[in-house]
Amino acid sequence: MKLYQYIYSDSSMRVRIYLAEKGIEVPFESVDISRGESHTPAFIAKNPLGQVPVLELDDGSHLAESIAICRYFEELHPEPSLFGRNPKERAEIEMWSRRVELAFAQPVQRVYRLRFHSNGALSAAAQDAIEVMEQSGARAAARFFDQTLAQRDFLAGADYSIADIMALCTYGMAQMLHIPLDPDFPHLRRWHESVSSRPSARA
């Protein structure tokens, strides 16, 4: 078994933090997407979309998409649970994971693509206007999370979950892009300090 990943990829980071949280050791192989290594014929044979992470199983088959990879390991190693222990917990964690993905991660990822992969397809004015809109979306999600975290320790409830891992990785990307997450979000700040201090966050 081997995990193909790129250290700066937030999707790869999700899997690394998840594995560290579970105490699962998997050999890593770096794929430098900045140099096009994910689009070589050898890698495309593993994932036709040319994206990381990719988990290579012992039978030679491959799994892509960070959450699918984490779910695979959750089935093999259900404790400690990061996807929920019963139907209600699993549904709530899925709900918050979707909210993180759609409301927070997608706007932040679009800002990244605008800055580094637009290739002049848009005028400067149009690019700036779209980026302002995407940053506003990310900040709106942060405000919603702050309101939620006023009532609980973690996004999906009392326990740390895959939803927190996803939000942590997106928060880090937003910081890298200097997206201003309003400093008046005290509960979000408290959450971020808490999850960032977990040993798994160093993965």
Protein backbone atom coordinates (compact mmCIF):
# COMPACT_ATOMS: atom_id res chain seq x y z
CA MET A 1 0.00 0.00 0.00
CA LYS A 2 1.26 3.48 -0.88
CA LEU A 3 -0.14 7.03 -0.82
CA TYR A 4 0.81 9.31 -3.71
CA GLN A 5 0.55 12.88 -2.45
CA TYR A 6 1.92 16.41 -2.66
CA ILE A 7 2.92 18.10 0.57
CA TYR A 8 1.30 21.47 -0.29
CA SER A 9 -1.99 20.01 -1.52
CA ASP A 10 -4.85 20.60 0.92
CA SER A 11 -6.48 17.37 -0.28
CA SER A 12 -3.30 15.42 0.47
CA MET A 13 -3.10 17.18 3.83
CA ARG A 14 -6.59 15.95 4.72
CA VAL A 15 -5.46 12.36 4.31
CA ARG A 16 -2.18 12.86 6.17
CA ILE A 17 -3.96 14.44 9.16
CA TYR A 18 -6.62 11.72 9.12
CA LEU A 19 -4.02 8.94 9.10
CA ALA A 20 -2.04 10.63 11.88
CA GLU A 21 -5.20 11.04 13.96
CA LYS A 22 -5.90 7.32 13.55
CA GLY A 23 -2.30 6.26 14.13
CA ILE A 24 -2.15 4.53 10.73
CA GLU A 25 1.21 4.42 8.96
CA VAL A 26 1.22 4.33 5.16
CA PRO A 27 4.28 4.91 2.97
CA PHE A 28 4.10 8.21 1.06
CA GLU A 29 5.44 8.95 -2.39
CA SER A 30 5.66 12.60 -3.40
CA VAL A 31 4.13 13.73 -6.69
CA ASP A 32 5.17 17.31 -7.47
CA ILE A 33 2.09 18.71 -9.18
CA SER A 34 3.85 22.06 -9.68
CA ARG A 35 6.20 20.29 -12.09
CA GLY A 36 3.48 18.37 -13.89
CA GLU A 37 4.34 15.03 -12.33
CA SER A 38 0.65 14.22 -11.85
CA HIS A 39 0.13 14.38 -15.63
CA THR A 40 2.74 11.87 -16.69
CA PRO A 41 1.44 8.72 -18.43
CA ALA A 42 2.50 6.62 -15.44
CA PHE A 43 0.46 8.71 -13.01
CA ILE A 44 -2.53 9.14 -15.34
CA ALA A 45 -2.74 5.34 -15.35
CA LYS A 46 -3.31 5.57 -11.58
CA ASN A 47 -5.78 8.48 -11.72
CA PRO A 48 -7.05 9.66 -15.11
CA LEU A 49 -7.90 13.07 -13.60
CA GLY A 50 -4.23 13.67 -12.81
CA GLN A 51 -4.93 14.68 -9.21
CA VAL A 52 -3.53 13.76 -5.81
CA PRO A 53 -3.93 12.06 -3.43
CA VAL A 54 -4.11 8.54 -4.78
CA LEU A 55 -3.96 5.40 -2.64
CA GLU A 56 -2.39 2.37 -4.27
CA LEU A 57 -3.70 -0.84 -2.74
CA ASP A 58 -1.80 -4.07 -2.36
CA ASP A 59 -3.71 -5.65 -5.27
CA GLY A 60 -2.49 -2.89 -7.61
CA SER A 61 -5.80 -1.02 -7.77
CA HIS A 62 -6.13 2.67 -6.91
CA LEU A 63 -8.46 4.93 -4.96
CA ALA A 64 -8.58 8.68 -5.54
CA GLU A 65 -10.39 11.58 -3.79
CA SER A 66 -9.32 12.42 -0.25
CA ILE A 67 -12.59 11.63 1.53
CA ALA A 68 -13.02 8.33 -0.33
CA ILE A 69 -9.52 7.33 0.81
CA CYS A 70 -10.32 8.30 4.40
CA ARG A 71 -13.60 6.36 4.29
CA TYR A 72 -11.70 3.29 3.10
CA PHE A 73 -9.42 3.46 6.13
CA GLU A 74 -12.41 4.16 8.41
CA GLU A 75 -13.90 0.83 7.36
CA LEU A 76 -10.64 -0.94 8.17
CA HIS A 77 -9.96 0.98 11.40
CA PRO A 78 -13.26 2.22 12.86
CA GLU A 79 -11.75 3.49 16.14
CA PRO A 80 -11.33 6.26 16.98
CA SER A 81 -14.29 7.21 14.86
CA LEU A 82 -13.90 10.26 12.63
CA PHE A 83 -17.01 9.66 10.50
CA GLY A 84 -19.53 8.93 13.30
CA ARG A 85 -20.49 5.95 15.46
CA ASN A 86 -24.20 5.77 14.71
CA PRO A 87 -26.60 6.89 11.96
CA LYS A 88 -27.24 10.33 13.48
CA GLU A 89 -23.56 11.10 14.06
CA ARG A 90 -22.64 9.91 10.56
CA ALA A 91 -25.38 12.08 9.02
CA GLU A 92 -24.35 15.17 11.02
CA ILE A 93 -20.67 14.74 10.12
CA GLU A 94 -21.61 14.26 6.47
CA MET A 95 -23.76 17.41 6.63
CA TRP A 96 -20.93 19.50 8.06
CA SER A 97 -18.40 18.01 5.68
CA ARG A 98 -20.58 19.06 2.77
CA ARG A 99 -20.96 22.55 4.22
CA VAL A 100 -17.20 22.87 4.57
CA GLU A 101 -16.66 21.62 1.02
CA LEU A 102 -19.30 23.71 -0.72
CA ALA A 103 -19.36 26.91 1.33
CA PHE A 104 -15.72 27.21 2.42
CA ALA A 105 -13.34 25.01 0.45
CA GLN A 106 -14.72 25.74 -3.01
CA PRO A 107 -14.51 29.57 -2.77
CA VAL A 108 -10.97 29.34 -1.35
CA GLN A 109 -9.91 26.96 -4.12
CA ARG A 110 -11.40 29.28 -6.74
CA VAL A 111 -9.34 32.18 -5.34
CA TYR A 112 -6.25 29.98 -5.67
CA ARG A 113 -7.06 29.13 -9.28
CA LEU A 114 -7.77 32.78 -10.11
CA ARG A 115 -4.39 33.85 -8.80
CA PHE A 116 -2.22 31.08 -10.15
CA HIS A 117 -4.02 29.43 -13.06
CA SER A 118 -6.10 32.08 -14.83
CA ASN A 119 -3.48 32.42 -17.60
CA GLY A 120 -4.84 35.82 -18.62
CA ALA A 121 -8.24 34.38 -19.56
CA LEU A 122 -9.94 37.25 -17.72
CA SER A 123 -9.31 40.96 -17.64
CA ALA A 124 -7.67 42.24 -14.45
CA ALA A 125 -10.88 44.03 -13.46
CA ALA A 126 -13.01 40.93 -13.98
CA GLN A 127 -10.54 38.75 -12.09
CA ASP A 128 -10.50 41.19 -9.17
CA ALA A 129 -14.30 41.33 -9.06
CA ILE A 130 -14.64 37.55 -9.07
CA GLU A 131 -11.97 37.20 -6.38
CA VAL A 132 -13.76 39.69 -4.14
CA MET A 133 -16.96 37.66 -4.54
CA GLU A 134 -15.21 34.37 -3.73
CA GLN A 135 -13.46 35.85 -0.70
CA SER A 136 -16.81 37.16 0.52
CA GLY A 137 -18.21 33.65 0.23
CA ALA A 138 -15.34 32.21 2.26
CA ARG A 139 -15.79 34.86 4.96
CA ALA A 140 -19.54 34.18 5.09
CA ALA A 141 -18.80 30.50 5.73
CA ALA A 142 -16.31 31.47 8.46
CA ARG A 143 -18.99 33.62 10.11
CA PHE A 144 -21.46 30.71 10.02
CA PHE A 145 -18.84 28.38 11.53
CA ASP A 146 -18.11 30.93 14.26
CA GLN A 147 -21.79 31.05 15.23
CA THR A 148 -21.92 27.26 15.33
CA LEU A 149 -18.74 26.95 17.38
CA ALA A 150 -20.19 29.25 20.01
CA GLN A 151 -22.35 26.26 20.96
CA ARG A 152 -19.87 23.36 20.68
CA ASP A 153 -16.21 22.41 20.64
CA PHE A 154 -16.09 21.05 17.08
CA LEU A 155 -18.09 21.62 13.90
CA ALA A 156 -20.19 18.46 13.98
CA GLY A 157 -20.60 18.21 17.74
CA ALA A 158 -18.61 17.31 20.83
CA ASP A 159 -16.03 15.19 19.02
CA TYR A 160 -13.31 15.95 16.48
CA SER A 161 -14.23 14.60 13.04
CA ILE A 162 -13.37 14.58 9.36
CA ALA A 163 -15.37 17.83 9.04
CA ASP A 164 -12.84 19.56 11.31
CA ILE A 165 -9.94 18.12 9.31
CA MET A 166 -11.44 19.49 6.09
CA ALA A 167 -12.05 22.91 7.64
CA LEU A 168 -8.54 23.03 9.13
CA CYS A 169 -6.91 22.36 5.76
CA THR A 170 -9.08 24.98 4.05
CA TYR A 171 -8.36 27.50 6.81
CA GLY A 172 -4.65 26.98 6.19
CA MET A 173 -5.06 27.60 2.47
CA ALA A 174 -7.09 30.75 3.18
CA GLN A 175 -4.28 32.02 5.40
CA MET A 176 -1.72 31.26 2.70
CA LEU A 177 -3.79 33.28 0.23
CA HIS A 178 -4.19 36.13 2.77
CA ILE A 179 -7.95 35.87 2.65
CA PRO A 180 -9.05 38.04 5.60
CA LEU A 181 -11.02 35.84 7.97
CA ASP A 182 -12.62 38.44 10.22
CA PRO A 183 -10.70 38.77 13.53
CA ASP A 184 -14.04 39.23 15.30
CA PHE A 185 -14.72 35.49 15.05
CA PRO A 186 -13.60 34.46 18.55
CA HIS A 187 -15.14 31.00 18.49
CA LEU A 188 -13.56 30.17 15.14
CA ARG A 189 -10.21 31.39 16.49
CA ARG A 190 -10.58 29.22 19.59
CA TRP A 191 -11.44 26.20 17.41
CA HIS A 192 -8.48 26.86 15.11
CA GLU A 193 -6.06 27.11 18.02
CA SER A 194 -7.45 23.85 19.40
CA VAL A 195 -7.33 21.77 16.23
CA SER A 196 -3.97 23.23 15.17
CA SER A 197 -2.44 22.13 18.47
CA ARG A 198 -3.37 18.46 17.98
CA PRO A 199 -0.32 16.28 17.21
CA SER A 200 -1.97 15.13 13.96
CA ALA A 201 -1.97 18.71 12.61
CA ARG A 202 1.81 18.48 12.21
CA ALA A 203 1.30 15.80 9.57
